Protein backbone atom coordinates (compact mmCIF):
# COMPACT_ATOMS: atom_id res chain seq x y z
CA MET A 1 -30.10 -4.41 24.66
CA SER A 2 -27.13 -6.82 24.69
CA LEU A 3 -23.65 -5.71 23.58
CA PRO A 4 -23.62 -7.68 20.28
CA LYS A 5 -27.05 -6.34 19.36
CA ARG A 6 -25.99 -2.79 20.14
CA LEU A 7 -22.94 -3.19 17.94
CA ALA A 8 -24.60 -5.04 15.06
CA THR A 9 -27.81 -3.06 14.79
CA ASN A 10 -28.20 -1.98 11.18
CA PRO A 11 -26.71 1.53 11.04
CA GLY A 12 -29.02 2.41 8.19
CA GLU A 13 -31.60 3.13 10.89
CA PHE A 14 -29.37 5.80 12.47
CA ASP A 15 -27.28 8.68 11.34
CA SER A 16 -23.48 8.43 11.33
CA ARG A 17 -23.22 10.55 14.46
CA SER A 18 -25.19 8.03 16.55
CA ILE A 19 -23.06 5.22 15.05
CA GLY A 20 -19.91 6.98 16.26
CA VAL A 21 -21.30 7.46 19.77
CA ARG A 22 -22.36 3.82 20.04
CA LEU A 23 -19.02 2.54 18.70
CA ARG A 24 -17.09 4.65 21.19
CA LYS A 25 -19.16 3.47 24.15
CA VAL A 26 -18.93 -0.17 23.10
CA MET A 27 -15.13 0.06 22.75
CA GLU A 28 -14.81 1.70 26.15
CA GLU A 29 -16.79 -1.16 27.70
CA LEU A 30 -14.81 -3.88 25.96
CA GLY A 31 -11.45 -2.72 27.31
CA PRO A 32 -7.88 -1.83 26.29
CA THR A 33 -7.53 -3.85 23.07
CA PHE A 34 -10.75 -2.44 21.69
CA ILE A 35 -9.70 1.07 22.70
CA LYS A 36 -6.54 0.55 20.68
CA LEU A 37 -8.71 -0.59 17.78
CA GLY A 38 -10.72 2.63 18.07
CA GLN A 39 -7.56 4.70 18.05
CA MET A 40 -6.44 2.93 14.90
CA VAL A 41 -9.86 3.49 13.29
CA SER A 42 -9.51 7.21 14.03
CA THR A 43 -6.50 7.30 11.68
CA ARG A 44 -8.59 6.04 8.75
CA GLN A 45 -10.11 9.34 7.75
CA ASP A 46 -10.05 8.10 4.17
CA VAL A 47 -12.57 5.38 5.08
CA PHE A 48 -14.90 6.65 7.81
CA PRO A 49 -16.97 9.86 7.80
CA PRO A 50 -15.80 12.82 9.95
CA SER A 51 -18.68 12.45 12.45
CA ILE A 52 -17.52 8.92 13.38
CA ILE A 53 -13.86 9.94 13.46
CA ARG A 54 -14.60 12.82 15.85
CA GLU A 55 -16.31 10.46 18.30
CA ILE A 56 -13.69 7.73 18.09
CA GLU A 57 -10.91 10.28 18.70
CA LYS A 58 -12.41 10.86 22.16
CA LEU A 59 -11.24 7.41 23.24
CA GLN A 60 -8.49 7.77 25.81
CA ASP A 61 -5.89 5.10 26.45
CA ASP A 62 -6.28 5.74 30.17
CA VAL A 63 -6.26 2.53 32.20
CA ALA A 64 -5.39 1.72 35.79
CA PRO A 65 -1.80 0.62 36.48
CA PHE A 66 -1.11 -2.98 37.46
CA PRO A 67 0.57 -3.78 40.82
CA TYR A 68 4.26 -3.10 41.36
CA GLU A 69 4.85 -6.71 42.41
CA ASP A 70 3.72 -7.93 38.98
CA ALA A 71 6.01 -5.44 37.26
CA LYS A 72 8.95 -6.42 39.49
CA LYS A 73 8.39 -10.13 38.87
CA GLN A 74 8.30 -9.63 35.12
CA VAL A 75 11.48 -7.50 35.07
CA GLU A 76 13.37 -10.07 37.15
CA GLU A 77 12.20 -12.99 34.98
CA ASP A 78 13.13 -11.31 31.70
CA LEU A 79 16.40 -9.68 32.79
CA ASP A 80 17.51 -12.67 34.90
CA GLY A 81 18.28 -10.90 38.14
CA PRO A 82 16.82 -9.03 41.14
CA VAL A 83 15.63 -5.48 40.48
CA ASP A 84 17.93 -4.17 43.25
CA GLU A 85 20.96 -5.60 41.44
CA LEU A 86 19.88 -4.48 37.97
CA PHE A 87 19.08 -0.87 38.93
CA ALA A 88 20.28 1.55 41.57
CA GLU A 89 16.70 2.81 41.96
CA PHE A 90 13.32 1.61 40.66
CA SER A 91 10.15 3.58 41.43
CA ILE A 92 7.21 1.70 42.91
CA GLU A 93 4.62 4.02 41.38
CA PRO A 94 4.60 4.12 37.56
CA MET A 95 5.08 7.40 35.69
CA ALA A 96 2.35 6.46 33.19
CA ALA A 97 0.09 3.52 32.41
CA ALA A 98 -1.47 2.44 29.13
CA SER A 99 -3.27 -0.59 27.71
CA ILE A 100 -0.07 -2.39 26.64
CA GLY A 101 2.14 -1.61 29.62
CA GLN A 102 3.36 1.02 32.06
CA VAL A 103 6.51 3.08 32.61
CA HIS A 104 8.61 3.16 35.79
CA LYS A 105 11.30 5.70 36.53
CA ALA A 106 14.65 4.14 37.48
CA LYS A 107 18.38 4.78 37.71
CA LEU A 108 21.26 2.70 36.43
CA LYS A 109 24.17 1.75 38.66
CA ASP A 110 26.14 4.73 37.35
CA GLY A 111 23.29 7.10 38.27
CA THR A 112 21.91 7.58 34.74
CA PRO A 113 18.14 8.19 34.88
CA VAL A 114 16.14 5.80 32.69
CA ALA A 115 12.54 4.94 31.88
CA VAL A 116 11.61 1.25 32.09
CA LYS A 117 8.57 0.11 30.10
CA VAL A 118 7.03 -3.08 31.45
CA ALA A 119 4.34 -4.96 29.53
CA ARG A 120 1.15 -5.98 31.32
CA PRO A 121 1.16 -9.57 32.59
CA ASN A 122 -0.06 -12.04 29.95
CA ILE A 123 -0.75 -9.15 27.56
CA LYS A 124 0.18 -11.27 24.53
CA GLU A 125 -2.40 -13.92 25.41
CA VAL A 126 -5.05 -11.29 26.19
CA ILE A 127 -4.43 -9.54 22.85
CA GLU A 128 -4.68 -12.79 20.88
CA LYS A 129 -7.99 -13.69 22.54
CA ASP A 130 -9.38 -10.21 21.88
CA LEU A 131 -8.17 -10.34 18.28
CA ASP A 132 -9.98 -13.64 17.73
CA ILE A 133 -13.20 -12.00 18.95
CA ILE A 134 -12.67 -8.88 16.84
CA GLN A 135 -11.87 -10.86 13.68
CA ASP A 136 -14.90 -13.13 14.13
CA LEU A 137 -17.11 -10.11 14.76
CA ALA A 138 -15.76 -8.29 11.68
CA ARG A 139 -16.39 -11.40 9.56
CA LEU A 140 -19.96 -11.68 10.88
CA LEU A 141 -20.75 -8.01 10.31
CA THR A 142 -19.28 -8.12 6.80
CA GLN A 143 -21.51 -11.06 5.92
CA ARG A 144 -24.66 -9.46 7.32
CA PHE A 145 -24.37 -5.74 6.64
CA SER A 146 -23.45 -3.80 3.55
CA TRP A 147 -21.91 -0.94 5.56
CA ALA A 148 -19.26 -3.31 7.03
CA LYS A 149 -18.41 -4.59 3.56
CA TYR A 150 -18.31 -1.04 2.20
CA TYR A 151 -15.90 0.08 4.95
CA ARG A 152 -13.74 -3.05 4.39
CA LEU A 153 -14.03 -3.88 8.08
CA GLU A 154 -12.13 -7.17 7.80
CA GLY A 155 -9.19 -5.45 6.13
CA ILE A 156 -9.04 -2.77 8.81
CA VAL A 157 -9.08 -5.41 11.55
CA GLU A 158 -6.19 -7.23 9.87
CA GLU A 159 -4.21 -3.98 9.78
CA PHE A 160 -4.97 -3.43 13.45
CA ALA A 161 -3.96 -6.97 14.41
CA SER A 162 -0.58 -6.51 12.75
CA ALA A 163 -0.06 -3.10 14.39
CA ILE A 164 -0.98 -4.12 17.95
CA ARG A 165 1.15 -7.27 17.80
CA GLU A 166 4.10 -5.13 16.77
CA GLU A 167 3.40 -2.54 19.49
CA SER A 168 3.14 -5.17 22.24
CA ASN A 169 6.55 -6.58 21.32
CA TYR A 170 9.17 -4.33 22.89
CA THR A 171 11.88 -6.02 20.83
CA GLN A 172 10.36 -4.35 17.77
CA GLU A 173 10.17 -0.97 19.51
CA ARG A 174 13.81 -1.34 20.54
CA TYR A 175 14.77 -1.92 16.91
CA ASN A 176 12.59 0.98 15.69
CA THR A 177 14.11 3.38 18.22
CA GLY A 178 17.67 2.39 17.30
CA LYS A 179 17.00 2.81 13.59
CA MET A 180 15.27 6.16 14.11
CA LYS A 181 18.20 7.40 16.18
CA LYS A 182 20.66 6.49 13.44
CA ASN A 183 18.53 8.15 10.75
CA MET A 184 18.23 11.38 12.74
CA GLU A 185 21.97 11.81 13.27
CA VAL A 186 21.93 14.36 10.40
CA PHE A 187 19.69 16.60 12.56
CA PRO A 188 21.62 17.80 15.65
CA ALA A 189 18.45 19.50 16.93
CA VAL A 190 16.53 16.20 17.00
CA HIS A 191 17.07 13.78 19.86
CA ILE A 192 16.03 10.12 20.00
CA PRO A 193 16.46 8.38 23.39
CA ASN A 194 19.19 5.79 23.86
CA VAL A 195 18.12 2.18 24.34
CA TYR A 196 19.92 -0.10 26.79
CA GLU A 197 20.03 -3.47 25.04
CA GLU A 198 21.32 -5.44 28.02
CA LEU A 199 18.35 -4.29 30.12
CA SER A 200 15.67 -4.94 27.51
CA SER A 201 13.63 -7.92 26.32
CA ARG A 202 10.31 -8.67 24.59
CA ARG A 203 8.39 -7.54 27.70
CA VAL A 204 10.82 -4.98 29.16
CA LEU A 205 12.34 -1.92 27.49
CA THR A 206 14.89 0.32 29.21
CA MET A 207 15.51 3.71 27.58
CA GLU A 208 17.07 7.04 28.39
CA LEU A 209 14.71 9.19 30.46
CA ILE A 210 13.73 12.35 28.57
CA GLU A 211 13.38 15.15 31.11
CA GLY A 212 12.42 18.06 28.89
CA LYS A 213 9.04 19.73 28.63
CA LYS A 214 6.29 17.73 27.00
CA MET A 215 5.00 19.44 23.85
CA SER A 216 1.37 19.00 24.94
CA ALA A 217 2.06 21.02 28.10
CA PHE A 218 4.04 23.67 26.21
CA LEU A 219 1.27 24.29 23.67
CA ASN A 220 -1.16 25.08 26.47
CA GLU A 221 1.14 27.71 27.98
CA GLU A 222 1.62 31.32 26.98
CA VAL A 223 4.33 32.10 24.42
CA THR A 224 7.73 32.61 26.05
CA ALA A 225 11.14 33.66 24.78
CA GLU A 226 12.72 30.49 26.21
CA VAL A 227 11.90 28.58 23.04
CA ASP A 228 12.45 29.66 19.44
CA GLN A 229 9.10 28.41 18.19
CA SER A 230 9.78 29.18 14.54
CA LYS A 231 13.03 27.17 14.49
CA LEU A 232 11.41 24.39 16.49
CA ALA A 233 8.55 24.12 13.98
CA ARG A 234 10.99 24.05 11.07
CA THR A 235 13.11 21.38 12.80
CA LEU A 236 10.03 19.22 13.29
CA ALA A 237 8.87 19.65 9.69
CA ASP A 238 12.30 19.04 8.13
CA SER A 239 13.13 16.03 10.30
CA PHE A 240 9.76 14.40 9.61
CA LEU A 241 9.95 15.00 5.85
CA HIS A 242 13.48 13.57 5.85
CA GLN A 243 12.16 10.45 7.61
CA VAL A 244 9.40 10.06 5.01
CA LEU A 245 11.11 10.94 1.74
CA PHE A 246 14.69 9.80 2.30
CA ASN A 247 14.58 7.13 5.00
CA GLY A 248 11.16 5.68 4.18
CA PHE A 249 10.86 5.05 7.93
CA PHE A 250 8.85 7.57 9.94
CA HIS A 251 7.25 8.12 13.33
CA SER A 252 3.59 7.39 12.61
CA ASP A 253 2.13 9.20 15.64
CA PRO A 254 3.95 12.53 16.21
CA HIS A 255 1.25 13.95 18.50
CA PRO A 256 2.24 16.44 21.26
CA GLY A 257 2.35 13.68 23.90
CA ASN A 258 5.16 11.94 21.99
CA LEU A 259 7.26 15.10 21.54
CA TYR A 260 9.49 16.80 24.11
CA ILE A 261 11.19 20.19 23.95
CA LEU A 262 14.85 20.19 25.01
CA GLY A 263 16.45 23.61 25.32
CA LYS A 264 15.69 26.51 23.00
CA ASN A 265 15.03 24.73 19.72
CA GLN A 266 15.76 21.04 20.22
CA VAL A 267 13.01 18.40 20.03
CA ALA A 268 12.88 14.75 21.09
CA TYR A 269 10.70 11.98 19.63
CA ILE A 270 9.61 9.21 22.01
CA ASP A 271 7.48 6.05 21.66
CA CYS A 272 8.58 4.43 18.40
CA GLY A 273 6.34 1.40 18.92
CA GLN A 274 4.47 2.11 15.71
CA VAL A 275 6.27 3.44 12.66
CA GLY A 276 5.40 3.84 9.02
CA ARG A 277 7.43 2.35 6.19
CA LEU A 278 7.65 3.40 2.53
CA ASN A 279 9.88 1.68 -0.02
CA ARG A 280 11.59 3.63 -2.81
CA LYS A 281 8.70 3.10 -5.22
CA MET A 282 6.16 4.33 -2.66
CA ARG A 283 8.24 7.40 -1.86
CA ASN A 284 8.38 8.30 -5.55
CA GLN A 285 4.64 7.80 -5.87
CA PHE A 286 3.99 10.05 -2.88
CA VAL A 287 6.24 12.75 -4.32
CA ASP A 288 4.34 12.53 -7.64
CA TYR A 289 1.10 12.91 -5.71
CA VAL A 290 2.28 15.98 -3.79
CA ILE A 291 3.62 17.57 -7.00
CA ALA A 292 0.26 16.95 -8.68
CA LEU A 293 -1.52 18.60 -5.73
CA THR A 294 0.74 21.65 -5.82
CA LYS A 295 0.14 21.98 -9.58
CA ARG A 296 -3.60 21.61 -8.92
CA ASP A 297 -3.85 19.31 -11.93
CA PRO A 298 -6.80 16.87 -11.56
CA LEU A 299 -5.48 14.55 -14.28
CA LEU A 300 -2.09 14.22 -12.57
CA VAL A 301 -3.75 13.80 -9.15
CA THR A 302 -6.00 11.04 -10.51
CA LYS A 303 -3.04 9.28 -12.13
CA ALA A 304 -1.03 9.50 -8.90
CA ILE A 305 -3.90 8.09 -6.81
CA PHE A 306 -4.28 5.16 -9.17
CA GLU A 307 -0.66 4.27 -8.40
CA MET A 308 -1.31 4.40 -4.64
CA ALA A 309 -4.48 2.37 -4.34
CA TYR A 310 -6.57 -0.62 -5.31
CA ILE A 311 -8.83 0.45 -8.19
CA PRO A 312 -12.16 -1.33 -8.85
CA LYS A 313 -12.84 -2.47 -12.42
CA ASN A 314 -16.11 -0.57 -12.86
CA ILE A 315 -14.92 2.88 -11.79
CA ASP A 316 -16.22 5.90 -13.68
CA MET A 317 -12.89 7.55 -14.52
CA GLU A 318 -14.29 10.76 -15.98
CA ARG A 319 -16.64 11.36 -13.08
CA PHE A 320 -13.92 10.71 -10.51
CA GLU A 321 -11.60 13.13 -12.29
CA ASP A 322 -14.38 15.74 -12.33
CA ASP A 323 -14.84 15.33 -8.56
CA VAL A 324 -11.10 15.72 -7.99
CA GLU A 325 -11.11 18.90 -10.10
CA TYR A 326 -14.07 20.24 -8.13
CA LEU A 327 -12.26 19.51 -4.86
CA LEU A 328 -9.04 21.16 -6.04
CA ASP A 329 -10.95 24.36 -6.79
CA LYS A 330 -10.96 25.25 -3.11
CA TYR A 331 -7.14 25.41 -3.19
CA TYR A 332 -6.95 27.60 -6.32
CA ASP A 333 -7.59 30.85 -4.49
CA GLN A 334 -5.02 30.15 -1.76
CA PRO A 335 -1.33 30.87 -2.10
CA PHE A 336 0.86 27.78 -2.05
CA GLU A 337 2.37 28.60 1.35
CA ARG A 338 -1.10 28.57 2.95
CA VAL A 339 -2.14 25.15 1.65
CA ARG A 340 -2.42 22.55 4.41
CA LEU A 341 -0.84 19.47 2.90
CA GLY A 342 -2.47 17.00 5.28
CA GLU A 343 -5.94 18.42 4.69
CA ALA A 344 -5.46 18.40 0.90
CA ILE A 345 -4.27 14.77 0.96
CA ASN A 346 -7.09 13.67 3.22
CA ASP A 347 -9.76 15.43 1.13
CA ILE A 348 -8.67 13.56 -1.99
CA PHE A 349 -8.45 10.25 -0.11
CA SER A 350 -11.99 10.70 1.21
CA THR A 351 -13.25 11.43 -2.32
CA ALA A 352 -11.47 8.32 -3.59
CA HIS A 353 -13.23 6.20 -0.99
CA ARG A 354 -16.65 7.20 -2.34
CA TYR A 355 -15.65 5.40 -5.54
CA GLN A 356 -14.49 2.36 -3.52
CA ILE A 357 -10.88 3.22 -4.30
CA PHE A 358 -8.96 1.86 -1.31
CA ILE A 359 -5.73 3.71 -0.57
CA TYR A 360 -2.94 1.45 0.68
CA GLN A 361 -2.44 1.51 4.44
CA GLU A 362 1.07 3.03 4.27
CA TYR A 363 -0.30 6.20 2.66
CA THR A 364 -3.27 6.58 5.02
CA MET A 365 -0.91 6.23 7.98
CA LEU A 366 1.32 8.89 6.44
CA ALA A 367 -1.63 11.22 5.83
CA LYS A 368 -2.69 10.93 9.49
CA ALA A 369 0.88 11.62 10.66
CA ILE A 370 1.16 14.70 8.42
CA ILE A 371 -2.17 16.07 9.71
CA THR A 372 -1.01 15.53 13.32
CA LEU A 373 2.38 17.16 12.73
CA GLU A 374 0.83 20.10 10.87
CA GLY A 375 -1.37 20.76 13.89
CA VAL A 376 1.70 20.95 16.14
CA CYS A 377 3.68 23.13 13.71
CA GLU A 378 0.72 25.47 13.24
CA HIS A 379 0.65 26.14 17.00
CA LEU A 380 4.38 26.80 17.04
CA ASP A 381 4.57 28.88 13.83
CA PRO A 382 1.30 29.76 12.04
CA HIS A 383 3.28 30.95 8.99
CA LEU A 384 5.05 27.64 8.34
CA SER A 385 3.62 25.52 5.52
CA ILE A 386 4.43 21.80 5.40
CA ALA A 387 3.68 21.87 1.68
CA GLN A 388 6.26 24.61 1.17
CA ALA A 389 8.78 22.81 3.39
CA ALA A 390 8.28 19.62 1.36
CA GLU A 391 9.09 21.29 -1.98
CA PRO A 392 12.93 21.14 -1.78
CA PHE A 393 12.79 17.54 -0.49
CA GLY A 394 10.56 16.52 -3.39
CA ARG A 395 12.78 18.32 -5.90
CA GLN A 396 15.91 16.60 -4.54
CA LEU A 397 14.20 13.21 -4.59
CA ALA A 398 13.07 13.80 -8.19
CA ILE A 399 16.69 14.53 -9.20
CA GLU A 400 17.88 11.40 -7.41
CA ARG A 401 15.29 9.35 -9.27
CA TYR A 402 16.88 10.05 -12.68
CA ARG A 403 20.44 9.19 -11.75
CA PRO A 404 21.84 5.98 -13.34
CA ARG A 405 22.45 4.41 -9.94
CA ALA A 406 18.81 4.96 -8.96
CA TRP A 407 17.64 3.50 -12.28
CA PHE A 408 19.77 0.41 -11.73
CA SER A 409 18.53 0.09 -8.14
CA ASP A 410 14.88 0.37 -9.23
CA PHE A 411 15.47 -2.20 -11.97
CA LYS A 412 17.12 -4.55 -9.50
CA ASP A 413 14.22 -4.13 -7.06
CA GLU A 414 11.72 -4.83 -9.84
CA VAL A 415 13.59 -7.98 -10.87
CA LYS A 416 13.70 -9.09 -7.26
CA GLU A 417 9.95 -8.56 -6.91
CA GLN A 418 9.27 -10.64 -10.02
CA GLU A 419 11.89 -13.31 -9.28
CA GLU A 420 9.54 -15.53 -7.31
CA THR A 421 6.88 -15.24 -10.00
CA PHE A 422 9.28 -16.33 -12.74
CA ARG A 423 10.56 -19.20 -10.62
CA SER A 424 7.05 -20.51 -10.01
CA ILE A 425 5.97 -20.44 -13.69
CA PRO A 426 7.58 -23.79 -14.75
CA LYS A 427 6.21 -25.55 -11.67
CA GLU A 428 2.73 -24.07 -12.15
CA LEU A 429 2.76 -24.96 -15.86
CA GLN A 430 3.91 -28.51 -15.13
CA GLY A 431 1.16 -28.91 -12.54
CA ALA A 432 -1.48 -27.58 -14.92
CA LEU A 433 -0.39 -29.95 -17.69
CA LYS A 434 -0.37 -32.87 -15.27
CA ARG A 435 -3.90 -32.08 -14.06
CA LEU A 436 -5.03 -31.68 -17.67
CA ASN A 437 -3.51 -35.03 -18.64
CA GLU A 438 -4.97 -36.86 -15.64
CA SER A 439 -8.47 -35.52 -16.17
CA HIS A 440 -8.43 -36.14 -19.95
CA VAL A 441 -10.03 -32.81 -20.49
CA GLY A 442 -10.41 -31.71 -24.08
CA VAL A 443 -9.47 -28.20 -25.01
CA GLU A 444 -11.61 -26.31 -27.48
CA MET A 445 -10.25 -23.05 -28.79
CA MET A 446 -12.68 -20.46 -30.01
CA ILE A 447 -11.12 -17.83 -32.22
CA PRO A 448 -13.45 -15.09 -33.45
CA LYS A 449 -14.02 -15.10 -37.27
CA MET A 450 -11.74 -18.13 -37.70
CA GLY A 451 -14.25 -19.64 -40.22
CA LEU A 452 -14.06 -16.52 -42.36
CA PHE A 453 -10.28 -16.65 -42.27
CA LEU A 454 -10.18 -20.34 -43.34
CA ASN A 455 -12.68 -19.66 -46.14
CA LYS A 456 -10.45 -16.89 -47.50
CA LEU A 457 -7.42 -19.17 -47.24
CA ASP A 458 -9.26 -21.91 -49.17
CA ARG A 459 -10.16 -19.51 -51.97
CA ILE A 460 -6.58 -18.34 -52.30
CA SER A 461 -5.26 -21.93 -52.51
CA ASN A 462 -7.88 -22.84 -55.16
CA ARG A 463 -6.94 -19.89 -57.30
CA ILE A 464 -3.27 -20.83 -57.07
CA SER A 465 -4.10 -24.45 -58.04
CA PHE A 466 -6.18 -23.27 -61.00
CA SER A 467 -3.39 -20.99 -62.19
CA ILE A 468 -0.71 -23.70 -61.90
CA THR A 469 -2.88 -26.24 -63.78
CA LEU A 470 -3.61 -23.73 -66.54
CA LEU A 471 0.08 -22.86 -66.79
CA SER A 472 1.07 -26.54 -66.96
CA PHE A 473 -1.52 -27.26 -69.64
CA SER A 474 -0.23 -24.33 -71.70
CA ILE A 475 3.43 -25.41 -71.38
CA ILE A 476 2.62 -28.98 -72.47
CA MET A 477 0.65 -27.79 -75.47
CA VAL A 478 3.33 -25.35 -76.57
CA GLY A 479 6.02 -28.02 -76.20
CA LEU A 480 4.08 -30.54 -78.27
CA ILE A 481 3.33 -28.04 -81.00
CA ILE A 482 6.96 -26.96 -81.24
CA GLY A 483 8.12 -30.57 -81.22
CA SER A 484 5.77 -31.57 -84.06
CA THR A 485 6.76 -28.59 -86.12
CA PHE A 486 10.54 -28.68 -85.79
CA GLY A 487 11.19 -32.20 -84.58
CA ASP A 488 12.06 -35.39 -86.43
CA SER A 489 9.05 -36.48 -88.48
CA SER A 490 10.27 -40.09 -88.35
CA SER A 491 9.86 -40.14 -84.53
CA ILE A 492 7.26 -42.61 -83.34
CA LEU A 493 6.02 -39.98 -80.83
CA VAL A 494 5.25 -37.59 -83.70
CA GLN A 495 3.63 -40.22 -85.81
CA LEU A 496 1.24 -41.18 -83.01
CA PRO A 497 -1.74 -38.87 -82.31
CA VAL A 498 -0.09 -37.83 -78.97
CA ILE A 499 -1.00 -34.19 -79.34
CA GLU A 500 -4.64 -34.90 -79.80
CA ILE A 501 -4.75 -37.46 -76.96
CA SER A 502 -2.79 -35.20 -74.57
CA PHE A 503 -4.96 -32.25 -75.39
CA ILE A 504 -8.14 -34.22 -74.72
CA ILE A 505 -6.82 -35.60 -71.39
CA ALA A 506 -5.52 -32.20 -70.22
CA PHE A 507 -8.69 -30.50 -71.31
CA PHE A 508 -10.91 -32.87 -69.30
CA MET A 509 -8.61 -32.58 -66.24
CA PHE A 510 -8.85 -28.81 -66.53
CA LEU A 511 -12.65 -28.97 -66.78
CA GLY A 512 -12.84 -31.33 -63.77
CA LEU A 513 -10.70 -29.02 -61.58
CA PHE A 514 -12.56 -25.94 -62.81
CA PHE A 515 -15.93 -27.56 -62.00
CA ALA A 516 -14.77 -28.71 -58.52
CA ILE A 517 -13.55 -25.24 -57.60
CA PHE A 518 -16.67 -23.44 -58.72
CA LYS A 519 -18.94 -26.06 -57.15
CA ASN A 520 -17.82 -25.31 -53.57
CA GLY A 521 -18.08 -21.58 -54.28
CA ARG A 522 -14.59 -20.80 -53.04
CA PHE A 523 -13.03 -18.97 -55.95
């Protein structure tokens, strides 16, 4: 069977396990970009079932290195000089190779050891071609199969395209690493490698060489007294939570391969190609969500989720809340310090997906990072709870939220968000009126029960008219009677039969008005 047919076969004919196996094999055949896509899919545990995630996680970014001559040529082109003049030493064999690029060990002129990341030749063009194929394929599958539409395949591909473009641009990684280093200055036990700006470009990145022990190797060894594992776990947890809740800028993939142990309780983060970002509003929403989880309140959890996701119009609110309450029951019997925050977050996100509630990408990326970090911390210190470690950070952030300066900042951010909308209103209104005028379209307004309202109004006006006419008739009659009684009898007006004539005229006018009002039935 051809590759497209194997990929597009209706998965309704198979179970999810076979879908996962076929997806993994197809991605392995298609090459590095598709492997990266699979790795990104494996972070969306809120969207895909566990059986598919387990298979996709088996994808390894293990590709053959490209020739040294290609790496040398690219370094010399980008840094505008021969390798021998730029570096005192530059290894021919790479330390590591991946789908985007490879890393060579080198030394600066002053003897400082560095790691030089070199992008694969023409990687940008290759990625763009692969992305065109992936986006077309996602569009085709979404049109033909309900499962692709249900999993929002096109949206996931768009997220991936943005992520891989950012990762393949070493200028972005250089910026991310510098910002992370500045943010982590408050943690002496956390080290972020230095970046050498003058020896870096879009396709070349020169950083300090981290020569500690890789966390992945350490976790597979027996426990030794050389490392204070409890302090190391706490340092990892506190530094990560600080990144998330105070900086809003966090390492999105803190797996053991991206962590190094330096000394007894110092840790280094490497590979800041992909980072997560949360603005102030998102950080507050996440804190509200964690607080709701710790209180085990389904109503608060539901409310928090609705702030963090796209909600369909036809959702069954009561049923969703019942499912959340049922899910929270499994945490009721556990003490707070034993709750796994990542697992609790992911469970709720998966439940939300069944109702086609789509959690925003920033939160799903954060959930994946928390799960990964919890796994590392659990190996180092089984008694450490990320949920418990997050409590003081959340409490401090909640206090900050109610300070006048924070209120003003939030208000300013909200105004800034709406500024463009307000600016566009006059132009949009002018355009709409112009189109309406040019097309000579009539506008018919339908207001419910407007006829009943007008009928009532007509009755009220008729009654007022009747009352005024009756009052006028009475005043005239009274005036004439008084005038004839006490007035000058020699007056021509008195001598004429004015009273009788006026009475007859007024009487017939009164009868005419009375008849007209009662005839239309609106009295």
